[in-house]
Amino acid sequence: MCRNIRPLNNFAPPATRSEVQAAALQYVRKVGGASKPSQANEQAYATAVAAIAAATQDLLDSLVTSAPPKDRDEEAAKARARAAKRYASA
């Protein structure tokens, strides 16, 4: 999985449309093999991003969990702590 695609389920507040769109874009870039498609492929990328964003939003809307929603700030702090530990100079 792309490292830039973050889990979007079970957050308070729920994932925004722009977060879903960004995840879809990252996915299409990874699968397509180019971060900036050629002019000939721009429409194919845009179509794929729209379709994947719609499918992702449908998935998020359909998921059910009994776990309490995660706090975005707490999860971001945990991620920063993991990164600091991982990339600490030896």
C-alpha atoms as a PDB file:
ATOM      1  CA  MET A   1       0.000   0.000   0.000  1.00  0.00           C
ATOM      2  CA  CYS A   2       1.085   3.549  -0.594  1.00  0.00           C
ATOM      3  CA  ARG A   3       2.558   5.118   2.496  1.00  0.00           C
ATOM      4  CA  ASN A   4       0.751   8.362   1.730  1.00  0.00           C
ATOM      5  CA  ILE A   5      -2.682   6.763   1.854  1.00  0.00           C
ATOM      6  CA  ARG A   6      -3.931   6.985   5.422  1.00  0.00           C
ATOM      7  CA  PRO A   7      -6.791   5.074   7.028  1.00  0.00           C
ATOM      8  CA  LEU A   8      -9.951   7.147   6.739  1.00  0.00           C
ATOM      9  CA  ASN A   9     -12.455   5.040   8.641  1.00  0.00           C
ATOM     10  CA  ASN A  10     -13.749   5.671  12.153  1.00  0.00           C
ATOM     11  CA  PHE A  11     -12.507   9.187  12.781  1.00  0.00           C
ATOM     12  CA  ALA A  12     -14.285  12.040  14.469  1.00  0.00           C
ATOM     13  CA  PRO A  13     -15.059  14.107  12.466  1.00  0.00           C
ATOM     14  CA  PRO A  14     -15.470  11.739   9.472  1.00  0.00           C
ATOM     15  CA  ALA A  15     -13.123  11.884   6.497  1.00  0.00           C
ATOM     16  CA  THR A  16     -13.680  14.907   4.300  1.00  0.00           C
ATOM     17  CA  ARG A  17     -14.276  14.828   0.585  1.00  0.00           C
ATOM     18  CA  SER A  18     -10.781  16.253   0.012  1.00  0.00           C
ATOM     19  CA  GLU A  19      -9.186  13.468   2.104  1.00  0.00           C
ATOM     20  CA  VAL A  20     -11.015  10.824   0.074  1.00  0.00           C
ATOM     21  CA  GLN A  21      -9.992  12.575  -3.147  1.00  0.00           C
ATOM     22  CA  ALA A  22      -6.339  12.755  -2.029  1.00  0.00           C
ATOM     23  CA  ALA A  23      -6.296   9.043  -1.178  1.00  0.00           C
ATOM     24  CA  ALA A  24      -7.800   8.204  -4.586  1.00  0.00           C
ATOM     25  CA  LEU A  25      -5.221  10.382  -6.332  1.00  0.00           C
ATOM     26  CA  GLN A  26      -2.352   8.704  -4.481  1.00  0.00           C
ATOM     27  CA  TYR A  27      -3.712   5.282  -5.383  1.00  0.00           C
ATOM     28  CA  VAL A  28      -4.075   6.135  -9.080  1.00  0.00           C
ATOM     29  CA  ARG A  29      -0.590   7.659  -9.178  1.00  0.00           C
ATOM     30  CA  LYS A  30       0.881   4.527  -7.611  1.00  0.00           C
ATOM     31  CA  VAL A  31      -0.956   2.099  -9.881  1.00  0.00           C
ATOM     32  CA  GLY A  32      -0.438   4.257 -12.982  1.00  0.00           C
ATOM     33  CA  GLY A  33       3.257   4.662 -12.270  1.00  0.00           C
ATOM     34  CA  ALA A  34       3.388   8.426 -12.738  1.00  0.00           C
ATOM     35  CA  SER A  35       2.832  11.301 -10.365  1.00  0.00           C
ATOM     36  CA  LYS A  36       2.111  13.602 -13.300  1.00  0.00           C
ATOM     37  CA  PRO A  37       0.511  11.846 -16.265  1.00  0.00           C
ATOM     38  CA  SER A  38       1.212  12.849 -19.851  1.00  0.00           C
ATOM     39  CA  GLN A  39      -1.382  14.968 -21.610  1.00  0.00           C
ATOM     40  CA  ALA A  40      -2.513  11.855 -23.453  1.00  0.00           C
ATOM     41  CA  ASN A  41      -3.279  10.133 -20.134  1.00  0.00           C
ATOM     42  CA  GLU A  42      -4.659  13.040 -18.081  1.00  0.00           C
ATOM     43  CA  GLN A  43      -8.295  12.167 -18.803  1.00  0.00           C
ATOM     44  CA  ALA A  44      -7.758   8.507 -17.927  1.00  0.00           C
ATOM     45  CA  TYR A  45      -6.188   9.525 -14.597  1.00  0.00           C
ATOM     46  CA  ALA A  46      -8.990  11.994 -13.838  1.00  0.00           C
ATOM     47  CA  THR A  47     -11.659   9.405 -14.638  1.00  0.00           C
ATOM     48  CA  ALA A  48      -9.942   6.801 -12.464  1.00  0.00           C
ATOM     49  CA  VAL A  49      -9.548   9.226  -9.548  1.00  0.00           C
ATOM     50  CA  ALA A  50     -13.240  10.139  -9.698  1.00  0.00           C
ATOM     51  CA  ALA A  51     -14.322   6.481  -9.822  1.00  0.00           C
ATOM     52  CA  ILE A  52     -12.020   5.439  -6.978  1.00  0.00           C
ATOM     53  CA  ALA A  53     -13.025   8.419  -4.838  1.00  0.00           C
ATOM     54  CA  ALA A  54     -16.690   7.509  -5.309  1.00  0.00           C
ATOM     55  CA  ALA A  55     -16.029   3.856  -4.464  1.00  0.00           C
ATOM     56  CA  THR A  56     -14.001   4.884  -1.417  1.00  0.00           C
ATOM     57  CA  GLN A  57     -16.751   7.171  -0.160  1.00  0.00           C
ATOM     58  CA  ASP A  58     -19.320   4.391  -0.667  1.00  0.00           C
ATOM     59  CA  LEU A  59     -17.109   2.037   1.323  1.00  0.00           C
ATOM     60  CA  LEU A  60     -16.618   4.512   4.170  1.00  0.00           C
ATOM     61  CA  ASP A  61     -20.348   5.215   4.288  1.00  0.00           C
ATOM     62  CA  SER A  62     -21.109   1.474   4.468  1.00  0.00           C
ATOM     63  CA  LEU A  63     -18.613   0.451   7.146  1.00  0.00           C
ATOM     64  CA  VAL A  64     -19.899  -0.263  10.653  1.00  0.00           C
ATOM     65  CA  THR A  65     -17.784  -0.510  13.774  1.00  0.00           C
ATOM     66  CA  SER A  66     -18.375  -0.804  17.487  1.00  0.00           C
ATOM     67  CA  ALA A  67     -15.062   0.880  18.308  1.00  0.00           C
ATOM     68  CA  PRO A  68     -15.174   4.469  19.485  1.00  0.00           C
ATOM     69  CA  PRO A  69     -14.084   7.046  16.875  1.00  0.00           C
ATOM     70  CA  LYS A  70     -10.379   7.895  16.844  1.00  0.00           C
ATOM     71  CA  ASP A  71      -9.220  11.444  17.469  1.00  0.00           C
ATOM     72  CA  ARG A  72      -7.298  12.891  14.516  1.00  0.00           C
ATOM     73  CA  ASP A  73      -4.946  14.943  16.690  1.00  0.00           C
ATOM     74  CA  GLU A  74      -4.061  11.970  18.895  1.00  0.00           C
ATOM     75  CA  GLU A  75      -3.410   9.739  15.881  1.00  0.00           C
ATOM     76  CA  ALA A  76      -1.233  12.430  14.275  1.00  0.00           C
ATOM     77  CA  ALA A  77       0.774  12.776  17.491  1.00  0.00           C
ATOM     78  CA  LYS A  78       1.288   9.007  17.618  1.00  0.00           C
ATOM     79  CA  ALA A  79       2.455   9.013  13.994  1.00  0.00           C
ATOM     80  CA  ARG A  80       4.914  11.845  14.692  1.00  0.00           C
ATOM     81  CA  ALA A  81       6.284   9.948  17.700  1.00  0.00           C
ATOM     82  CA  ARG A  82       6.738   6.788  15.611  1.00  0.00           C
ATOM     83  CA  ALA A  83       8.488   8.775  12.882  1.00  0.00           C
ATOM     84  CA  ALA A  84      10.771  10.509  15.375  1.00  0.00           C
ATOM     85  CA  LYS A  85      11.755   7.138  16.821  1.00  0.00           C
ATOM     86  CA  ARG A  86      12.216   5.578  13.378  1.00  0.00           C
ATOM     87  CA  TYR A  87      14.301   8.422  11.958  1.00  0.00           C
ATOM     88  CA  ALA A  88      16.246   9.374  15.099  1.00  0.00           C
ATOM     89  CA  SER A  89      19.945   9.755  14.406  1.00  0.00           C
ATOM     90  CA  ALA A  90      22.002   6.937  15.824  1.00  0.00           C
END
